[in-house]
Amino acid sequence: MREIIDLSLDPRFGMNSPAVREWMKGQAGNMATGLSDLLDQPMIARAGEVGAAVKEAQAAVDKLKDAVDDSVRGSSAWKTATDELAKAQDALTAALTTQHGEAERNKQALDDLGTIALTTFNAAIASGQTFAQALQAIGPQLDVIKKAYDDLGLAIEDAALKGLTLENTILNGPGGTGKAISGLQAIVTAAMNLGKGVETPEAFAAQQRTLLKLYEQTQAATAAAGGSTINALLPFQQTLHQLEEWAKKNGLALDAETQQKIDQSKELGIWNDDFKSDSEKTRESIEKLIASNERLAAALGGHPLPPVPGASTPPPGAGEPSAPRVSLPGGGETDPTAPGPVWYGSSSSFSAPPAPAAAPTGTTSSGSVNKSYSVSVTAKDPALEEQWLRDWMRRDGVEINVEELEDGRHVARVNQALGR
């Protein structure tokens, strides 16, 4: 059961169950709310007071410096002004000393809050939110944390937190495009989910032009915040992937500037070659969850599936490691360490199945196996072994699970419940 839960929550397979997806979103929302509550503490308020005191003292010193007129040096007015300046400088020194003490006491606590903020951002991403959406969700909290660092005269040393606060300034600060980027992402995702009737070539072209206009504005905000091209491109990665995938799937050409943004992302090392569409995530998730459910059922019950109506019953030991080994017709080898696979079972009960194209050496066999049997194969490369089993079974039209035994062999378990 733990395996099924973990798999359902694994971002590589997508949160494709509506219940799981909503649960994940709820947890991410709870974390964002919890972070807001966590920041409502005396340390943050005290940092604000200390920072304000330093700013006020510095402003007083700057103002009094301008008021000192050295042309009347020695006069009573000059003496009064310099005395007031000295007092202001003493006050600034006191404020800075207090700030230093507060920073020494609270730096670790602030760093910890930064780590929690990063965790909250990652939770939002894991729940299915886009980069821009996740940043919007915790943007106000990041502002509070960054201000606390500034108030205590501290610099953010964690590279991830520093980068995230910079992105927050770019997207959610004055002139930011974060909300607009999230809106475009939602439109693109929904339109592509609904298909060609909605995602027309005209809509596809308009979405690209809109993305490029938003990037232009984001680039300006990035420059103002002292960021780089990477900072400007990061929020657009998911939309760029979706546009590229749609173009390939439907035989459309991407706008030259859109393609340029994709090429730039690759050159800068921020392009994810393992990106998968929602449909691919759904298919993988279903396959993995089915396999996990079957393993769970086997572990809990330990009983074989009911036989397929009309199928013969396998003889005792057929398909098991203890059964006699059978050489493959055409030169298959019985040595389990050989590069060619070895089939286990009773020679009187079944013959080796036909080998698929590009099968490992020694698998030039013919014949078929009763589809209510379990069969196993051993090869030098476990990954090749498992893939060979899957390829053969798919070719023969049989749904299977591939399991690894303690001795390293892989066993293909035919799913008799499918009635094939």
Foldseek 3Di string as FASTA:
>chain_A
DVVLVVLCLDLLLPVPDPVSLVVLQVVLLVLLVVLVVVLPDPLLVVLVVLLVQLVVLVVQLVVLVVVQDCVPPPDPSNVVSVVSNVVSVVSNVVSLVVLQVSCVVCVVVLVVSLVSLVVSLVSNVSSPAANLVSCVSNLVSLVSSVVSCVSSVHDDDDPVSVLSNLLSCLQVNVLHPSVVLSVLVVVLLVQVVVHCVRCPPVVLQVSLVSVVVNLVSSVVSQVVSVHDNCSSLRRCQVVLVSSVVVCVVPVHDDDPVSVVSVVVCVVVVNHDPSDDDPVSSNVVSVVVSVLVVVVVCCVVPVDDDDAQPPFDDFDPPAQHPVADWDAAPPAADCPLAAQGKTKGGDPVQFHDDDFDPPQTPRRRHHGDHGLQDKIWIHHNDLVSRVVRVVVRCVVVVFDWDWDADPVGIIMTHTDRVVND
